[in-house]
């Protein structure tokens, strides 16, 4: 059985090698082949003796002083300005409702303060309820933690008991004298 597997492995390896060799041959021949018209060679040197020399070259420092330096575009018959005003009038004002409105604050009178009924216990009731809720959560966490610890201790004791039972079973034997 092992010999046939070994031979099968050798045959597969040989086939894989042959196929990879053929693949390389096919890929290289496609990549390396170029048509004769595709190759363009550019000259690497330039012969300046064949280029005619220019004698009437102006220097960059001599600019035409009379040339215009800016261009002004006028509206012509005034139609352009009228069209822009018409477009501005048609466009809605998106920010007009965003302007702030300023209102004066109302002044309270001292007579209103006399009728105020103050509940001095309101803050204490809220703090007491929050404290009680925190205390309940704290007690639940402690109870859960104790429950997990008891469960772990019980499992540990069971494992120890099983280990001791196996140890005792291994000691059972007959003493021959």
C-alpha atoms as a PDB file:
ATOM      1  CA  UNK A   1       0.000   0.000   0.000  1.00  0.00           C
ATOM      2  CA  UNK A   2       2.755   2.450   0.943  1.00  0.00           C
ATOM      3  CA  UNK A   3       4.723   1.583  -2.199  1.00  0.00           C
ATOM      4  CA  UNK A   4       1.759   2.368  -4.505  1.00  0.00           C
ATOM      5  CA  UNK A   5       1.197   5.698  -2.738  1.00  0.00           C
ATOM      6  CA  UNK A   6       4.886   6.532  -3.143  1.00  0.00           C
ATOM      7  CA  UNK A   7       4.772   5.699  -6.869  1.00  0.00           C
ATOM      8  CA  UNK A   8       1.585   7.733  -7.331  1.00  0.00           C
ATOM      9  CA  UNK A   9       3.258  10.680  -5.575  1.00  0.00           C
ATOM     10  CA  UNK A  10       6.298  10.390  -7.879  1.00  0.00           C
ATOM     11  CA  UNK A  11       4.093  10.307 -11.011  1.00  0.00           C
ATOM     12  CA  UNK A  12       2.141  13.396  -9.860  1.00  0.00           C
ATOM     13  CA  UNK A  13       5.366  15.242  -9.095  1.00  0.00           C
ATOM     14  CA  UNK A  14       6.769  14.447 -12.559  1.00  0.00           C
ATOM     15  CA  UNK A  15       3.557  15.623 -14.263  1.00  0.00           C
ATOM     16  CA  UNK A  16       3.567  18.860 -12.269  1.00  0.00           C
ATOM     17  CA  UNK A  17       7.182  19.511 -13.271  1.00  0.00           C
ATOM     18  CA  UNK A  18       6.438  18.907 -16.956  1.00  0.00           C
ATOM     19  CA  UNK A  19       3.384  21.191 -16.883  1.00  0.00           C
ATOM     20  CA  UNK A  20       5.288  23.997 -15.131  1.00  0.00           C
ATOM     21  CA  UNK A  21       8.069  23.727 -17.740  1.00  0.00           C
ATOM     22  CA  UNK A  22       5.528  23.960 -20.593  1.00  0.00           C
ATOM     23  CA  UNK A  23       3.830  26.916 -18.920  1.00  0.00           C
ATOM     24  CA  UNK A  24       7.131  28.767 -18.674  1.00  0.00           C
ATOM     25  CA  UNK A  25       7.879  28.107 -22.338  1.00  0.00           C
ATOM     26  CA  UNK A  26       4.492  29.419 -23.453  1.00  0.00           C
ATOM     27  CA  UNK A  27       4.581  32.504 -21.223  1.00  0.00           C
ATOM     28  CA  UNK A  28       8.144  33.463 -22.194  1.00  0.00           C
ATOM     29  CA  UNK A  29       7.541  33.145 -25.907  1.00  0.00           C
ATOM     30  CA  UNK A  30       4.533  35.485 -25.703  1.00  0.00           C
ATOM     31  CA  UNK A  31       6.304  38.018 -23.560  1.00  0.00           C
ATOM     32  CA  UNK A  32       9.603  38.173 -25.444  1.00  0.00           C
ATOM     33  CA  UNK A  33       8.198  38.326 -28.983  1.00  0.00           C
ATOM     34  CA  UNK A  34       7.818  41.775 -30.555  1.00  0.00           C
ATOM     35  CA  UNK A  35       6.794  42.772 -34.037  1.00  0.00           C
ATOM     36  CA  UNK A  36       9.328  44.578 -36.202  1.00  0.00           C
ATOM     37  CA  UNK A  37       7.191  47.744 -36.494  1.00  0.00           C
ATOM     38  CA  UNK A  38       6.652  48.064 -32.731  1.00  0.00           C
ATOM     39  CA  UNK A  39      10.187  48.995 -31.828  1.00  0.00           C
ATOM     40  CA  UNK A  40      10.995  52.714 -31.999  1.00  0.00           C
ATOM     41  CA  UNK A  41      14.545  53.888 -31.547  1.00  0.00           C
ATOM     42  CA  UNK A  42      15.245  57.485 -30.644  1.00  0.00           C
ATOM     43  CA  UNK A  43      18.563  59.215 -31.355  1.00  0.00           C
ATOM     44  CA  UNK A  44      20.688  59.679 -28.283  1.00  0.00           C
ATOM     45  CA  UNK A  45      22.800  62.537 -29.660  1.00  0.00           C
ATOM     46  CA  UNK A  46      21.778  65.776 -31.367  1.00  0.00           C
ATOM     47  CA  UNK A  47      23.821  67.481 -34.047  1.00  0.00           C
ATOM     48  CA  UNK A  48      23.548  71.230 -33.430  1.00  0.00           C
ATOM     49  CA  UNK A  49      25.515  72.138 -36.568  1.00  0.00           C
ATOM     50  CA  UNK A  50      22.475  71.349 -38.738  1.00  0.00           C
ATOM     51  CA  UNK A  51      20.218  73.708 -36.742  1.00  0.00           C
ATOM     52  CA  UNK A  52      20.141  77.270 -38.154  1.00  0.00           C
ATOM     53  CA  UNK A  53      21.183  79.941 -35.695  1.00  0.00           C
ATOM     54  CA  UNK A  54      18.768  82.731 -34.827  1.00  0.00           C
ATOM     55  CA  UNK A  55      20.314  86.177 -34.947  1.00  0.00           C
ATOM     56  CA  UNK A  56      17.295  88.311 -34.148  1.00  0.00           C
ATOM     57  CA  UNK A  57      16.692  87.049 -30.602  1.00  0.00           C
ATOM     58  CA  UNK A  58      15.388  89.617 -28.106  1.00  0.00           C
ATOM     59  CA  UNK A  59      16.472  89.615 -24.528  1.00  0.00           C
ATOM     60  CA  UNK A  60      13.906  88.996 -21.846  1.00  0.00           C
ATOM     61  CA  UNK A  61      14.872  92.142 -20.006  1.00  0.00           C
ATOM     62  CA  UNK A  62      13.608  94.392 -22.811  1.00  0.00           C
ATOM     63  CA  UNK A  63       9.800  94.430 -22.578  1.00  0.00           C
ATOM     64  CA  UNK A  64       7.566  96.512 -24.744  1.00  0.00           C
ATOM     65  CA  UNK A  65       6.790  99.517 -22.589  1.00  0.00           C
ATOM     66  CA  UNK A  66       3.822 100.641 -24.699  1.00  0.00           C
ATOM     67  CA  UNK A  67       1.937  97.363 -24.417  1.00  0.00           C
ATOM     68  CA  UNK A  68      -1.257  97.262 -22.312  1.00  0.00           C
ATOM     69  CA  UNK A  69      -0.838  95.908 -18.775  1.00  0.00           C
ATOM     70  CA  UNK A  70      -4.509  95.217 -17.999  1.00  0.00           C
ATOM     71  CA  UNK A  71      -7.747  94.474 -19.813  1.00  0.00           C
ATOM     72  CA  UNK A  72     -11.080  96.139 -18.955  1.00  0.00           C
ATOM     73  CA  UNK A  73     -14.296  94.412 -19.983  1.00  0.00           C
ATOM     74  CA  UNK A  74     -17.266  96.742 -20.272  1.00  0.00           C
ATOM     75  CA  UNK A  75     -20.914  95.780 -20.330  1.00  0.00           C
ATOM     76  CA  UNK A  76     -21.377  97.196 -23.807  1.00  0.00           C
ATOM     77  CA  UNK A  77     -24.990  98.332 -24.112  1.00  0.00           C
ATOM     78  CA  UNK A  78     -25.776  97.647 -20.419  1.00  0.00           C
ATOM     79  CA  UNK A  79     -27.592  94.344 -20.910  1.00  0.00           C
ATOM     80  CA  UNK A  80     -25.136  92.347 -18.795  1.00  0.00           C
ATOM     81  CA  UNK A  81     -25.704  94.418 -15.626  1.00  0.00           C
ATOM     82  CA  UNK A  82     -29.491  94.245 -16.056  1.00  0.00           C
ATOM     83  CA  UNK A  83     -29.382  90.460 -16.412  1.00  0.00           C
ATOM     84  CA  UNK A  84     -27.315  90.086 -13.233  1.00  0.00           C
ATOM     85  CA  UNK A  85     -29.772  92.254 -11.271  1.00  0.00           C
ATOM     86  CA  UNK A  86     -32.690  90.169 -12.556  1.00  0.00           C
ATOM     87  CA  UNK A  87     -30.970  86.942 -11.470  1.00  0.00           C
ATOM     88  CA  UNK A  88     -30.293  88.353  -7.997  1.00  0.00           C
ATOM     89  CA  UNK A  89     -33.950  89.320  -7.605  1.00  0.00           C
ATOM     90  CA  UNK A  90     -35.177  85.846  -8.648  1.00  0.00           C
ATOM     91  CA  UNK A  91     -32.915  83.987  -6.220  1.00  0.00           C
ATOM     92  CA  UNK A  92     -34.634  83.492  -2.835  1.00  0.00           C
ATOM     93  CA  UNK A  93     -32.973  84.647   0.359  1.00  0.00           C
ATOM     94  CA  UNK A  94     -32.197  81.432   2.223  1.00  0.00           C
ATOM     95  CA  UNK A  95     -30.892  83.158   5.325  1.00  0.00           C
ATOM     96  CA  UNK A  96     -33.713  85.605   6.105  1.00  0.00           C
ATOM     97  CA  UNK A  97     -35.356  83.234   8.618  1.00  0.00           C
ATOM     98  CA  UNK A  98     -32.030  82.692  10.364  1.00  0.00           C
ATOM     99  CA  UNK A  99     -31.729  86.225  11.698  1.00  0.00           C
ATOM    100  CA  UNK A 100     -31.739  86.223  15.489  1.00  0.00           C
ATOM    101  CA  UNK A 101     -34.657  87.686  17.382  1.00  0.00           C
ATOM    102  CA  UNK A 102     -33.760  89.475  20.581  1.00  0.00           C
ATOM    103  CA  UNK A 103     -36.294  89.461  23.388  1.00  0.00           C
ATOM    104  CA  UNK A 104     -36.005  91.143  26.737  1.00  0.00           C
ATOM    105  CA  UNK A 105     -36.300  88.910  29.776  1.00  0.00           C
ATOM    106  CA  UNK A 106     -39.323  89.362  31.963  1.00  0.00           C
ATOM    107  CA  UNK A 107     -38.738  90.766  35.391  1.00  0.00           C
ATOM    108  CA  UNK A 108     -40.283  88.877  38.270  1.00  0.00           C
ATOM    109  CA  UNK A 109     -41.846  90.743  41.102  1.00  0.00           C
ATOM    110  CA  UNK A 110     -41.138  90.151  44.754  1.00  0.00           C
ATOM    111  CA  UNK A 111     -44.734  89.192  45.364  1.00  0.00           C
ATOM    112  CA  UNK A 112     -44.192  86.060  43.301  1.00  0.00           C
ATOM    113  CA  UNK A 113     -41.353  84.974  45.564  1.00  0.00           C
ATOM    114  CA  UNK A 114     -43.564  85.052  48.637  1.00  0.00           C
ATOM    115  CA  UNK A 115     -45.975  82.531  47.115  1.00  0.00           C
ATOM    116  CA  UNK A 116     -43.177  80.128  46.213  1.00  0.00           C
ATOM    117  CA  UNK A 117     -43.580  76.905  48.080  1.00  0.00           C
ATOM    118  CA  UNK A 118     -40.308  75.266  48.581  1.00  0.00           C
ATOM    119  CA  UNK A 119     -39.945  71.542  49.005  1.00  0.00           C
ATOM    120  CA  UNK A 120     -36.712  71.178  50.946  1.00  0.00           C
ATOM    121  CA  UNK A 121     -36.959  67.408  50.904  1.00  0.00           C
ATOM    122  CA  UNK A 122     -36.953  67.042  47.078  1.00  0.00           C
ATOM    123  CA  UNK A 123     -33.177  66.747  46.678  1.00  0.00           C
ATOM    124  CA  UNK A 124     -32.875  64.348  49.584  1.00  0.00           C
ATOM    125  CA  UNK A 125     -35.553  62.052  48.132  1.00  0.00           C
ATOM    126  CA  UNK A 126     -33.748  61.825  44.785  1.00  0.00           C
ATOM    127  CA  UNK A 127     -30.386  61.193  46.436  1.00  0.00           C
ATOM    128  CA  UNK A 128     -31.942  58.571  48.727  1.00  0.00           C
ATOM    129  CA  UNK A 129     -33.514  56.717  45.773  1.00  0.00           C
ATOM    130  CA  UNK A 130     -30.236  56.771  43.841  1.00  0.00           C
ATOM    131  CA  UNK A 131     -28.309  55.548  46.877  1.00  0.00           C
ATOM    132  CA  UNK A 132     -30.800  52.722  47.438  1.00  0.00           C
ATOM    133  CA  UNK A 133     -30.528  51.628  43.805  1.00  0.00           C
ATOM    134  CA  UNK A 134     -26.724  51.599  44.019  1.00  0.00           C
ATOM    135  CA  UNK A 135     -26.885  49.639  47.269  1.00  0.00           C
ATOM    136  CA  UNK A 136     -29.205  47.014  45.716  1.00  0.00           C
ATOM    137  CA  UNK A 137     -26.852  46.619  42.734  1.00  0.00           C
ATOM    138  CA  UNK A 138     -23.861  46.333  45.057  1.00  0.00           C
ATOM    139  CA  UNK A 139     -25.606  43.641  47.125  1.00  0.00           C
ATOM    140  CA  UNK A 140     -26.499  41.698  43.956  1.00  0.00           C
ATOM    141  CA  UNK A 141     -22.903  41.775  42.781  1.00  0.00           C
ATOM    142  CA  UNK A 142     -21.655  40.533  46.154  1.00  0.00           C
ATOM    143  CA  UNK A 143     -24.235  37.715  46.157  1.00  0.00           C
ATOM    144  CA  UNK A 144     -23.272  36.670  42.608  1.00  0.00           C
ATOM    145  CA  UNK A 145     -19.593  36.710  43.518  1.00  0.00           C
ATOM    146  CA  UNK A 146     -20.205  34.538  46.610  1.00  0.00           C
ATOM    147  CA  UNK A 147     -22.330  32.132  44.549  1.00  0.00           C
ATOM    148  CA  UNK A 148     -19.541  31.734  41.953  1.00  0.00           C
ATOM    149  CA  UNK A 149     -16.944  31.209  44.674  1.00  0.00           C
ATOM    150  CA  UNK A 150     -19.109  28.497  46.336  1.00  0.00           C
ATOM    151  CA  UNK A 151     -19.604  26.761  42.963  1.00  0.00           C
ATOM    152  CA  UNK A 152     -15.858  26.799  42.269  1.00  0.00           C
ATOM    153  CA  UNK A 153     -15.148  25.426  45.759  1.00  0.00           C
ATOM    154  CA  UNK A 154     -17.714  22.616  45.254  1.00  0.00           C
ATOM    155  CA  UNK A 155     -16.155  21.655  41.884  1.00  0.00           C
ATOM    156  CA  UNK A 156     -12.696  21.697  43.442  1.00  0.00           C
ATOM    157  CA  UNK A 157     -13.851  19.383  46.228  1.00  0.00           C
ATOM    158  CA  UNK A 158     -15.456  16.980  43.714  1.00  0.00           C
ATOM    159  CA  UNK A 159     -12.235  16.809  41.678  1.00  0.00           C
ATOM    160  CA  UNK A 160     -10.203  16.179  44.830  1.00  0.00           C
ATOM    161  CA  UNK A 161     -12.609  13.403  45.891  1.00  0.00           C
ATOM    162  CA  UNK A 162     -12.379  11.765  42.447  1.00  0.00           C
ATOM    163  CA  UNK A 163      -8.590  11.965  42.556  1.00  0.00           C
ATOM    164  CA  UNK A 164      -8.494  10.300  45.965  1.00  0.00           C
ATOM    165  CA  UNK A 165     -10.921   7.565  44.823  1.00  0.00           C
ATOM    166  CA  UNK A 166      -8.659   6.741  41.865  1.00  0.00           C
ATOM    167  CA  UNK A 167      -5.681   6.662  44.160  1.00  0.00           C
ATOM    168  CA  UNK A 168      -7.445   4.229  46.519  1.00  0.00           C
ATOM    169  CA  UNK A 169      -8.546   2.007  43.620  1.00  0.00           C
ATOM    170  CA  UNK A 170      -4.958   1.736  42.427  1.00  0.00           C
ATOM    171  CA  UNK A 171      -3.875   0.542  45.885  1.00  0.00           C
ATOM    172  CA  UNK A 172      -6.258  -2.410  45.959  1.00  0.00           C
ATOM    173  CA  UNK A 173      -4.278  -5.506  45.583  1.00  0.00           C
ATOM    174  CA  UNK A 174      -3.500  -8.853  47.148  1.00  0.00           C
ATOM    175  CA  UNK A 175      -0.422  -9.263  49.209  1.00  0.00           C
ATOM    176  CA  UNK A 176       1.269 -12.509  48.438  1.00  0.00           C
ATOM    177  CA  UNK A 177       3.597 -13.934  50.937  1.00  0.00           C
END
